[in-house]
């Protein structure tokens, strides 16, 4: 005669599963109620939050600024060189000036402000190869990126535009901030 002993592990597993399913159901209900109420009221579905106009800061004039962050080292990109250019009629870019990013990862002065803040297309060329070489970064493999072009268009000179740029030896991203 053979006796089989089983441990009662199924009950805790079922209890966890039931808890997880209850949480999902509660979350779905919480999500559906506001949407159903809006639909009954005839309100249009909610879209992404958007500003109603340009970002205006008291005492701060419209400008174009940059903030560079080194994601590999997890710090501001202190010492990064950026060439700032504007697009000319022939399609090429003409250098306006070169800047070096300060200890906070920003330029000391706005890239464009006052009379220089004009509609047009601009390019920021980040010299990340020089940056990582100067930092003597110990990379597990050769960096993929060398010079990063960031091209932007200024349309409304009443708006303040801020460019947060995050980069590493192998990737980069940027967005329009305010």
N, C-alpha and C. Protein backbone atom coordinates (compact mmCIF):
# COMPACT_ATOMS: atom_id res chain seq x y z
N UNK A 1 0.84 -1.16 0.00
CA UNK A 1 0.00 0.00 0.00
C UNK A 1 0.89 1.23 0.00
N UNK A 2 0.59 2.19 -0.91
CA UNK A 2 1.37 3.39 -1.06
C UNK A 2 0.55 4.59 -0.60
N UNK A 3 1.17 5.44 0.21
CA UNK A 3 0.49 6.65 0.68
C UNK A 3 1.17 7.85 0.03
N UNK A 4 0.38 8.77 -0.53
CA UNK A 4 0.91 9.98 -1.15
C UNK A 4 0.58 11.16 -0.26
N UNK A 5 1.60 11.95 0.04
CA UNK A 5 1.39 13.16 0.84
C UNK A 5 1.57 14.37 -0.06
N UNK A 6 0.63 15.27 -0.06
CA UNK A 6 0.74 16.51 -0.84
C UNK A 6 0.69 17.69 0.11
N UNK A 7 1.45 18.66 -0.22
CA UNK A 7 1.41 19.88 0.60
C UNK A 7 0.31 20.77 0.09
N UNK A 8 -0.21 21.57 0.92
CA UNK A 8 -1.32 22.43 0.54
C UNK A 8 -0.80 23.76 0.02
N UNK A 9 -0.11 23.73 -1.15
CA UNK A 9 0.41 24.95 -1.75
C UNK A 9 -0.58 25.57 -2.71
N UNK A 10 -1.60 24.85 -3.07
CA UNK A 10 -2.56 25.37 -4.04
C UNK A 10 -3.40 26.49 -3.44
N UNK A 11 -3.72 26.42 -2.18
CA UNK A 11 -4.57 27.44 -1.57
C UNK A 11 -3.90 28.82 -1.58
N UNK A 12 -2.62 28.95 -1.14
CA UNK A 12 -2.00 30.28 -1.20
C UNK A 12 -1.88 30.80 -2.63
N UNK A 13 -1.60 29.88 -3.59
CA UNK A 13 -1.49 30.31 -4.98
C UNK A 13 -2.82 30.84 -5.50
N UNK A 14 -3.91 30.16 -5.16
CA UNK A 14 -5.23 30.60 -5.59
C UNK A 14 -5.59 31.93 -4.93
N UNK A 15 -5.21 32.09 -3.67
CA UNK A 15 -5.50 33.35 -2.97
C UNK A 15 -4.75 34.51 -3.62
N UNK A 16 -3.46 34.31 -4.00
CA UNK A 16 -2.71 35.38 -4.68
C UNK A 16 -3.33 35.70 -6.03
N UNK A 17 -3.71 34.66 -6.75
CA UNK A 17 -4.32 34.87 -8.07
C UNK A 17 -5.63 35.65 -7.93
N UNK A 18 -6.45 35.29 -6.93
CA UNK A 18 -7.71 35.99 -6.70
C UNK A 18 -7.45 37.45 -6.32
N UNK A 19 -6.42 37.69 -5.50
CA UNK A 19 -6.08 39.05 -5.11
C UNK A 19 -5.67 39.87 -6.33
N UNK A 20 -4.84 39.30 -7.19
CA UNK A 20 -4.39 40.01 -8.40
C UNK A 20 -5.57 40.31 -9.32
N UNK A 21 -6.45 39.33 -9.52
CA UNK A 21 -7.61 39.55 -10.39
C UNK A 21 -8.55 40.61 -9.80
N UNK A 22 -8.70 40.61 -8.48
CA UNK A 22 -9.55 41.63 -7.84
C UNK A 22 -8.97 43.02 -8.06
N UNK A 23 -7.64 43.13 -7.94
CA UNK A 23 -6.98 44.42 -8.17
C UNK A 23 -7.16 44.91 -9.59
N UNK A 24 -7.03 44.01 -10.56
CA UNK A 24 -7.24 44.38 -11.96
C UNK A 24 -8.68 44.83 -12.20
N UNK A 25 -9.63 44.11 -11.63
CA UNK A 25 -11.04 44.47 -11.81
C UNK A 25 -11.34 45.84 -11.19
N UNK A 26 -10.79 46.08 -10.01
CA UNK A 26 -10.99 47.37 -9.35
C UNK A 26 -10.39 48.50 -10.17
N UNK A 27 -9.19 48.29 -10.71
CA UNK A 27 -8.54 49.31 -11.54
C UNK A 27 -9.33 49.58 -12.81
N UNK A 28 -9.83 48.53 -13.45
CA UNK A 28 -10.63 48.70 -14.67
C UNK A 28 -11.91 49.47 -14.37
N UNK A 29 -12.53 49.16 -13.25
CA UNK A 29 -13.76 49.86 -12.88
C UNK A 29 -13.48 51.34 -12.60
N UNK A 30 -12.40 51.62 -11.92
CA UNK A 30 -12.05 53.02 -11.63
C UNK A 30 -11.76 53.79 -12.91
N UNK A 31 -11.18 53.13 -13.89
CA UNK A 31 -10.87 53.77 -15.17
C UNK A 31 -12.15 53.99 -15.98
N UNK A 32 -13.08 53.04 -15.94
CA UNK A 32 -14.28 53.09 -16.78
C UNK A 32 -15.30 54.10 -16.27
N UNK A 33 -15.43 54.27 -14.96
CA UNK A 33 -16.47 55.14 -14.41
C UNK A 33 -16.36 56.58 -14.90
N UNK A 34 -15.21 57.25 -14.81
CA UNK A 34 -15.14 58.63 -15.29
C UNK A 34 -15.41 58.73 -16.80
N UNK A 35 -14.94 57.75 -17.57
CA UNK A 35 -15.17 57.79 -19.01
C UNK A 35 -16.64 57.59 -19.34
N UNK A 36 -17.32 56.69 -18.62
CA UNK A 36 -18.74 56.46 -18.85
C UNK A 36 -19.54 57.70 -18.47
N UNK A 37 -19.18 58.34 -17.35
CA UNK A 37 -19.88 59.54 -16.92
C UNK A 37 -19.71 60.67 -17.94
N UNK A 38 -18.52 60.81 -18.48
CA UNK A 38 -18.27 61.83 -19.50
C UNK A 38 -19.08 61.55 -20.76
N UNK A 39 -19.13 60.27 -21.15
CA UNK A 39 -19.87 59.90 -22.35
C UNK A 39 -21.36 60.18 -22.18
N UNK A 40 -21.93 59.90 -20.98
CA UNK A 40 -23.34 60.16 -20.73
C UNK A 40 -23.62 61.66 -20.74
N UNK A 41 -22.68 62.45 -20.28
CA UNK A 41 -22.86 63.90 -20.23
C UNK A 41 -22.68 64.53 -21.61
N UNK A 42 -22.24 63.74 -22.58
CA UNK A 42 -22.04 64.28 -23.93
C UNK A 42 -20.73 65.03 -24.09
N UNK A 43 -19.85 64.90 -23.12
CA UNK A 43 -18.56 65.60 -23.20
C UNK A 43 -17.63 64.86 -24.15
N UNK A 44 -16.79 65.60 -24.86
CA UNK A 44 -15.83 64.94 -25.75
C UNK A 44 -14.81 64.17 -24.92
N UNK A 45 -14.23 63.11 -25.48
CA UNK A 45 -13.22 62.36 -24.73
C UNK A 45 -12.02 63.25 -24.41
N UNK A 46 -11.45 62.99 -23.26
CA UNK A 46 -10.29 63.78 -22.83
C UNK A 46 -9.10 63.47 -23.72
N UNK A 47 -8.35 64.49 -24.09
CA UNK A 47 -7.14 64.32 -24.89
C UNK A 47 -5.93 64.64 -24.05
N UNK A 48 -4.78 64.64 -24.66
CA UNK A 48 -3.58 64.98 -23.90
C UNK A 48 -3.62 66.42 -23.45
N UNK A 49 -3.01 66.69 -22.32
CA UNK A 49 -2.95 68.05 -21.81
C UNK A 49 -2.14 68.92 -22.76
N UNK A 50 -2.69 70.05 -23.13
CA UNK A 50 -1.99 70.96 -24.02
C UNK A 50 -2.16 72.37 -23.49
N UNK A 51 -1.11 73.14 -23.64
CA UNK A 51 -1.17 74.53 -23.21
C UNK A 51 -2.09 75.29 -24.15
N UNK A 52 -2.74 76.30 -23.65
CA UNK A 52 -3.63 77.09 -24.48
C UNK A 52 -2.88 78.18 -25.23
N UNK A 53 -1.65 78.38 -24.90
CA UNK A 53 -0.88 79.42 -25.56
C UNK A 53 0.58 79.28 -25.20
N UNK A 54 1.37 80.26 -25.57
CA UNK A 54 2.81 80.17 -25.28
C UNK A 54 3.07 80.19 -23.78
N UNK A 55 4.17 79.60 -23.41
CA UNK A 55 4.58 79.61 -22.01
C UNK A 55 5.14 80.99 -21.70
N UNK A 56 4.50 81.66 -20.77
CA UNK A 56 4.94 83.00 -20.38
C UNK A 56 5.37 82.95 -18.92
N UNK A 57 6.59 83.33 -18.68
CA UNK A 57 7.08 83.40 -17.32
C UNK A 57 7.27 84.86 -16.96
N UNK A 58 6.75 85.26 -15.81
CA UNK A 58 6.83 86.65 -15.40
C UNK A 58 8.27 87.12 -15.35
N UNK A 59 8.58 88.13 -16.12
CA UNK A 59 9.91 88.71 -16.12
C UNK A 59 10.91 87.97 -16.98
N UNK A 60 10.50 86.90 -17.66
CA UNK A 60 11.41 86.12 -18.49
C UNK A 60 10.96 86.25 -19.93
N UNK A 61 11.83 86.78 -20.77
CA UNK A 61 11.46 86.96 -22.17
C UNK A 61 11.53 85.64 -22.92
N UNK A 62 10.83 85.54 -24.04
CA UNK A 62 10.92 84.33 -24.86
C UNK A 62 12.37 84.08 -25.28
N UNK A 63 12.75 82.81 -25.37
CA UNK A 63 14.13 82.46 -25.65
C UNK A 63 14.22 81.00 -26.03
N UNK A 64 15.39 80.62 -26.55
CA UNK A 64 15.71 79.22 -26.83
C UNK A 64 16.88 78.83 -25.95
N UNK A 65 16.67 77.82 -25.11
CA UNK A 65 17.71 77.36 -24.20
C UNK A 65 17.93 75.86 -24.36
N UNK A 66 19.06 75.37 -23.84
CA UNK A 66 19.41 73.95 -23.96
C UNK A 66 19.88 73.43 -22.61
N UNK A 67 19.62 72.12 -22.38
CA UNK A 67 20.08 71.44 -21.17
C UNK A 67 20.55 70.06 -21.59
N UNK A 68 21.85 69.78 -21.49
CA UNK A 68 22.43 68.50 -21.93
C UNK A 68 22.75 67.62 -20.73
N UNK A 69 22.29 66.37 -20.80
CA UNK A 69 22.49 65.42 -19.72
C UNK A 69 23.16 64.16 -20.24
N UNK A 70 24.22 63.75 -19.57
CA UNK A 70 24.99 62.56 -19.91
C UNK A 70 24.35 61.38 -19.19
N UNK A 71 23.63 60.53 -19.93
CA UNK A 71 22.93 59.40 -19.30
C UNK A 71 23.88 58.27 -18.94
N UNK A 72 25.03 58.19 -19.58
CA UNK A 72 25.98 57.11 -19.26
C UNK A 72 26.57 57.33 -17.87
N UNK A 73 26.95 58.57 -17.57
CA UNK A 73 27.53 58.88 -16.26
C UNK A 73 26.48 59.37 -15.26
N UNK A 74 25.26 59.60 -15.72
CA UNK A 74 24.21 60.06 -14.82
C UNK A 74 24.46 61.44 -14.27
N UNK A 75 24.90 62.36 -15.13
CA UNK A 75 25.24 63.71 -14.66
C UNK A 75 25.01 64.73 -15.76
N UNK A 76 25.07 65.99 -15.37
CA UNK A 76 25.03 67.07 -16.37
C UNK A 76 26.25 66.92 -17.27
N UNK A 77 26.10 67.30 -18.53
CA UNK A 77 27.18 67.13 -19.52
C UNK A 77 28.16 68.30 -19.48
N UNK A 78 28.73 68.54 -18.33
CA UNK A 78 29.67 69.64 -18.14
C UNK A 78 30.82 69.54 -19.13
N UNK A 79 31.06 70.64 -19.87
CA UNK A 79 32.17 70.69 -20.82
C UNK A 79 31.83 70.24 -22.23
N UNK A 80 30.60 69.81 -22.48
CA UNK A 80 30.19 69.40 -23.83
C UNK A 80 30.21 70.61 -24.76
N UNK A 81 30.83 70.45 -25.94
CA UNK A 81 30.83 71.53 -26.93
C UNK A 81 29.63 71.33 -27.86
N UNK A 82 28.94 72.44 -28.13
CA UNK A 82 27.79 72.44 -29.04
C UNK A 82 28.00 73.55 -30.06
N UNK A 83 27.92 73.20 -31.34
CA UNK A 83 27.93 74.19 -32.41
C UNK A 83 26.47 74.52 -32.73
N UNK A 84 26.14 75.81 -32.68
CA UNK A 84 24.77 76.26 -32.92
C UNK A 84 24.72 76.99 -34.26
N UNK A 85 23.87 76.51 -35.18
CA UNK A 85 23.81 77.06 -36.54
C UNK A 85 22.38 77.34 -36.95
N UNK A 86 22.23 78.19 -37.97
CA UNK A 86 20.91 78.45 -38.54
C UNK A 86 20.91 78.01 -40.00
N UNK A 87 19.74 77.60 -40.46
CA UNK A 87 19.60 77.14 -41.85
C UNK A 87 19.50 78.35 -42.76
N UNK A 88 20.25 78.30 -43.84
CA UNK A 88 20.26 79.39 -44.81
C UNK A 88 19.46 78.99 -46.04
N UNK A 89 19.21 79.96 -46.90
CA UNK A 89 18.38 79.77 -48.10
C UNK A 89 18.83 78.63 -48.99
N UNK A 90 20.12 78.38 -49.11
CA UNK A 90 20.63 77.32 -49.96
C UNK A 90 20.47 75.93 -49.38
N UNK A 91 19.95 75.82 -48.17
CA UNK A 91 19.73 74.53 -47.54
C UNK A 91 20.78 74.12 -46.55
N UNK A 92 21.94 74.78 -46.57
CA UNK A 92 23.00 74.45 -45.62
C UNK A 92 22.83 75.21 -44.31
N UNK A 93 23.64 74.87 -43.35
CA UNK A 93 23.60 75.54 -42.05
C UNK A 93 24.84 76.40 -41.88
N UNK A 94 24.63 77.59 -41.30
CA UNK A 94 25.73 78.53 -41.05
C UNK A 94 25.92 78.67 -39.55
N UNK A 95 27.16 78.48 -39.10
CA UNK A 95 27.47 78.53 -37.68
C UNK A 95 27.20 79.92 -37.11
N UNK A 96 26.43 79.97 -36.04
CA UNK A 96 26.19 81.21 -35.31
C UNK A 96 27.25 81.36 -34.23
N UNK A 97 27.45 80.28 -33.46
CA UNK A 97 28.49 80.26 -32.43
C UNK A 97 28.64 78.86 -31.85
N UNK A 98 29.75 78.66 -31.18
CA UNK A 98 29.99 77.43 -30.44
C UNK A 98 29.91 77.76 -28.96
N UNK A 99 29.32 76.87 -28.20
CA UNK A 99 29.22 77.07 -26.75
C UNK A 99 29.79 75.84 -26.05
N UNK A 100 30.12 76.00 -24.79
CA UNK A 100 30.52 74.88 -23.94
C UNK A 100 29.55 74.87 -22.77
N UNK A 101 28.97 73.71 -22.53
CA UNK A 101 27.94 73.55 -21.50
C UNK A 101 28.58 73.72 -20.11
N UNK A 102 27.88 74.43 -19.22
CA UNK A 102 28.41 74.70 -17.88
C UNK A 102 28.18 73.53 -16.92
N UNK A 103 28.48 73.73 -15.66
CA UNK A 103 28.38 72.69 -14.64
C UNK A 103 26.98 72.16 -14.41
N UNK A 104 25.96 72.91 -14.81
CA UNK A 104 24.58 72.46 -14.67
C UNK A 104 24.06 71.78 -15.93
N UNK A 105 24.92 71.69 -16.96
CA UNK A 105 24.49 71.08 -18.21
C UNK A 105 23.77 72.06 -19.14
N UNK A 106 23.90 73.34 -18.85
CA UNK A 106 23.20 74.36 -19.63
C UNK A 106 24.22 75.33 -20.25
N UNK A 107 23.75 76.09 -21.23
CA UNK A 107 24.60 77.15 -21.76
C UNK A 107 24.52 78.34 -20.80
N UNK A 108 25.60 79.11 -20.70
CA UNK A 108 25.58 80.26 -19.79
C UNK A 108 24.54 81.29 -20.22
N UNK A 109 24.39 81.46 -21.52
CA UNK A 109 23.41 82.40 -22.08
C UNK A 109 22.44 81.62 -22.95
N UNK A 110 21.22 82.12 -23.12
CA UNK A 110 20.30 81.47 -24.06
C UNK A 110 20.90 81.43 -25.47
N UNK A 111 20.56 80.41 -26.23
CA UNK A 111 21.05 80.32 -27.61
C UNK A 111 20.47 81.44 -28.46
N UNK A 112 19.20 81.72 -28.24
CA UNK A 112 18.52 82.83 -28.92
C UNK A 112 17.71 83.60 -27.89
N UNK A 113 17.78 84.92 -27.96
CA UNK A 113 17.01 85.78 -27.07
C UNK A 113 16.96 87.17 -27.69
N UNK A 114 15.92 87.91 -27.38
CA UNK A 114 15.81 89.29 -27.88
C UNK A 114 15.74 89.34 -29.39
N UNK A 115 16.55 90.21 -29.99
CA UNK A 115 16.56 90.39 -31.45
C UNK A 115 17.01 89.15 -32.20
N UNK A 116 17.84 88.33 -31.58
CA UNK A 116 18.35 87.14 -32.27
C UNK A 116 17.30 86.02 -32.34
N UNK A 117 16.26 86.11 -31.51
CA UNK A 117 15.22 85.08 -31.48
C UNK A 117 14.25 85.30 -32.63
N UNK A 118 14.54 84.67 -33.75
CA UNK A 118 13.78 84.83 -34.98
C UNK A 118 13.23 83.48 -35.44
N UNK A 119 12.10 83.50 -36.17
CA UNK A 119 11.62 82.24 -36.74
C UNK A 119 12.66 81.67 -37.70
N UNK A 120 12.74 80.37 -37.75
CA UNK A 120 13.67 79.72 -38.65
C UNK A 120 14.00 78.31 -38.20
N UNK A 121 14.90 77.69 -38.94
CA UNK A 121 15.35 76.34 -38.62
C UNK A 121 16.78 76.42 -38.10
N UNK A 122 17.03 75.67 -37.03
CA UNK A 122 18.31 75.73 -36.35
C UNK A 122 18.85 74.31 -36.11
N UNK A 123 20.17 74.25 -35.93
CA UNK A 123 20.81 72.97 -35.65
C UNK A 123 21.77 73.13 -34.49
N UNK A 124 21.72 72.19 -33.57
CA UNK A 124 22.70 72.07 -32.51
C UNK A 124 23.50 70.81 -32.82
N UNK A 125 24.80 70.93 -32.94
CA UNK A 125 25.66 69.79 -33.21
C UNK A 125 26.46 69.50 -31.95
N UNK A 126 26.12 68.40 -31.28
CA UNK A 126 26.77 68.02 -30.03
C UNK A 126 27.99 67.15 -30.33
N UNK A 127 29.13 67.53 -29.81
CA UNK A 127 30.38 66.80 -30.03
C UNK A 127 30.58 65.78 -28.91
N UNK A 128 29.78 64.72 -28.94
CA UNK A 128 29.83 63.74 -27.85
C UNK A 128 31.09 62.88 -27.90
N UNK A 129 31.67 62.69 -29.09
CA UNK A 129 32.91 61.92 -29.16
C UNK A 129 34.02 62.62 -28.40
N UNK A 130 34.15 63.93 -28.59
CA UNK A 130 35.15 64.71 -27.85
C UNK A 130 34.86 64.68 -26.35
N UNK A 131 33.56 64.78 -26.02
CA UNK A 131 33.14 64.82 -24.62
C UNK A 131 33.57 63.56 -23.88
N UNK A 132 33.24 62.38 -24.43
CA UNK A 132 33.59 61.13 -23.75
C UNK A 132 35.09 60.88 -23.76
N UNK A 133 35.77 61.32 -24.81
CA UNK A 133 37.23 61.18 -24.87
C UNK A 133 37.88 62.04 -23.78
N UNK A 134 37.42 63.28 -23.62
CA UNK A 134 37.98 64.18 -22.62
C UNK A 134 37.70 63.67 -21.20
N UNK A 135 36.55 63.04 -21.01
CA UNK A 135 36.21 62.49 -19.69
C UNK A 135 36.95 61.18 -19.42
N UNK A 136 37.63 60.65 -20.43
CA UNK A 136 38.32 59.37 -20.33
C UNK A 136 37.38 58.29 -19.82
N UNK A 137 36.19 58.29 -20.43
CA UNK A 137 35.14 57.33 -20.03
C UNK A 137 35.60 55.90 -20.33
N UNK A 138 35.43 55.02 -19.36
CA UNK A 138 35.76 53.60 -19.54
C UNK A 138 34.52 52.91 -20.06
N UNK A 139 34.47 52.77 -21.37
CA UNK A 139 33.30 52.18 -22.01
C UNK A 139 33.55 50.70 -22.29
N UNK A 140 32.52 49.86 -22.17
CA UNK A 140 32.71 48.43 -22.43
C UNK A 140 32.93 48.11 -23.91
N UNK A 141 32.59 49.04 -24.78
CA UNK A 141 32.83 48.88 -26.22
C UNK A 141 32.95 50.27 -26.84
N UNK A 142 33.40 50.33 -28.06
CA UNK A 142 33.56 51.62 -28.74
C UNK A 142 32.21 52.34 -28.81
N UNK A 143 32.21 53.66 -28.62
CA UNK A 143 30.95 54.39 -28.75
C UNK A 143 30.46 54.35 -30.19
N UNK A 144 29.16 54.36 -30.34
CA UNK A 144 28.53 54.32 -31.65
C UNK A 144 28.37 55.73 -32.22
N UNK A 145 28.07 56.69 -31.37
CA UNK A 145 27.78 58.06 -31.79
C UNK A 145 29.03 58.93 -31.74
N UNK A 146 29.10 59.89 -32.66
CA UNK A 146 30.22 60.82 -32.64
C UNK A 146 29.71 62.26 -32.50
N UNK A 147 29.03 62.75 -33.50
CA UNK A 147 28.45 64.10 -33.48
C UNK A 147 26.93 63.94 -33.62
N UNK A 148 26.19 64.58 -32.73
CA UNK A 148 24.74 64.44 -32.73
C UNK A 148 24.08 65.70 -33.26
N UNK A 149 23.40 65.62 -34.40
CA UNK A 149 22.66 66.79 -34.88
C UNK A 149 21.26 66.83 -34.27
N UNK A 150 20.89 67.97 -33.73
CA UNK A 150 19.55 68.20 -33.21
C UNK A 150 19.00 69.38 -33.99
N UNK A 151 17.99 69.13 -34.80
CA UNK A 151 17.43 70.19 -35.64
C UNK A 151 16.04 70.56 -35.14
N UNK A 152 15.83 71.87 -34.99
CA UNK A 152 14.56 72.38 -34.46
C UNK A 152 14.07 73.53 -35.33
N UNK A 153 12.79 73.79 -35.22
CA UNK A 153 12.17 74.89 -35.97
C UNK A 153 11.49 75.82 -34.96
N UNK A 154 11.82 77.10 -35.05
CA UNK A 154 11.16 78.12 -34.24
C UNK A 154 10.11 78.77 -35.13
N UNK A 155 8.85 78.72 -34.71
CA UNK A 155 7.76 79.30 -35.49
C UNK A 155 7.23 80.55 -34.80
N UNK A 156 6.93 80.44 -33.52
CA UNK A 156 6.33 81.54 -32.77
C UNK A 156 7.36 82.10 -31.79
N UNK A 157 7.85 83.31 -32.05
CA UNK A 157 8.88 83.90 -31.19
C UNK A 157 8.31 84.46 -29.89
N UNK A 158 7.03 84.30 -29.65
CA UNK A 158 6.45 84.68 -28.37
C UNK A 158 6.56 83.54 -27.36
N UNK A 159 6.96 82.36 -27.83
CA UNK A 159 7.06 81.20 -26.95
C UNK A 159 8.49 81.01 -26.46
N UNK A 160 8.58 80.46 -25.27
CA UNK A 160 9.87 80.08 -24.70
C UNK A 160 10.09 78.61 -25.03
N UNK A 161 11.25 78.28 -25.62
CA UNK A 161 11.55 76.90 -25.98
C UNK A 161 12.81 76.46 -25.23
N UNK A 162 12.69 75.32 -24.58
CA UNK A 162 13.81 74.73 -23.86
C UNK A 162 14.05 73.34 -24.43
N UNK A 163 15.31 73.01 -24.73
CA UNK A 163 15.64 71.71 -25.32
C UNK A 163 16.41 70.85 -24.32
N UNK A 164 15.72 69.94 -23.62
CA UNK A 164 16.45 68.97 -22.81
C UNK A 164 16.95 67.85 -23.72
N UNK A 165 18.27 67.61 -23.70
CA UNK A 165 18.88 66.58 -24.55
C UNK A 165 19.59 65.58 -23.65
N UNK A 166 19.23 64.31 -23.79
CA UNK A 166 19.88 63.25 -23.03
C UNK A 166 20.66 62.39 -24.01
N UNK A 167 21.89 62.08 -23.67
CA UNK A 167 22.71 61.29 -24.59
C UNK A 167 23.66 60.38 -23.84
N UNK A 168 24.08 59.36 -24.54
CA UNK A 168 25.11 58.44 -24.06
C UNK A 168 25.99 58.10 -25.25
N UNK A 169 26.89 57.15 -25.11
CA UNK A 169 27.76 56.79 -26.22
C UNK A 169 27.03 56.06 -27.36
N UNK A 170 25.82 55.54 -27.08
CA UNK A 170 25.13 54.72 -28.07
C UNK A 170 23.73 55.22 -28.44
N UNK A 171 23.21 56.20 -27.72
CA UNK A 171 21.86 56.67 -28.04
C UNK A 171 21.66 58.10 -27.53
N UNK A 172 20.64 58.74 -28.06
CA UNK A 172 20.27 60.06 -27.56
C UNK A 172 18.80 60.33 -27.81
N UNK A 173 18.26 61.28 -27.05
CA UNK A 173 16.87 61.68 -27.20
C UNK A 173 16.75 63.14 -26.81
N UNK A 174 15.79 63.81 -27.38
CA UNK A 174 15.53 65.19 -27.01
C UNK A 174 14.05 65.47 -27.19
N UNK A 175 13.60 66.54 -26.58
CA UNK A 175 12.18 66.91 -26.68
C UNK A 175 12.07 68.42 -26.55
N UNK A 176 10.90 68.89 -26.85
CA UNK A 176 10.63 70.32 -26.68
C UNK A 176 10.08 70.54 -25.29
N UNK A 177 10.79 71.33 -24.54
CA UNK A 177 10.34 71.69 -23.21
C UNK A 177 9.93 73.15 -23.20
N UNK A 178 9.65 73.67 -22.04
CA UNK A 178 9.25 75.08 -21.95
C UNK A 178 9.95 75.73 -20.77
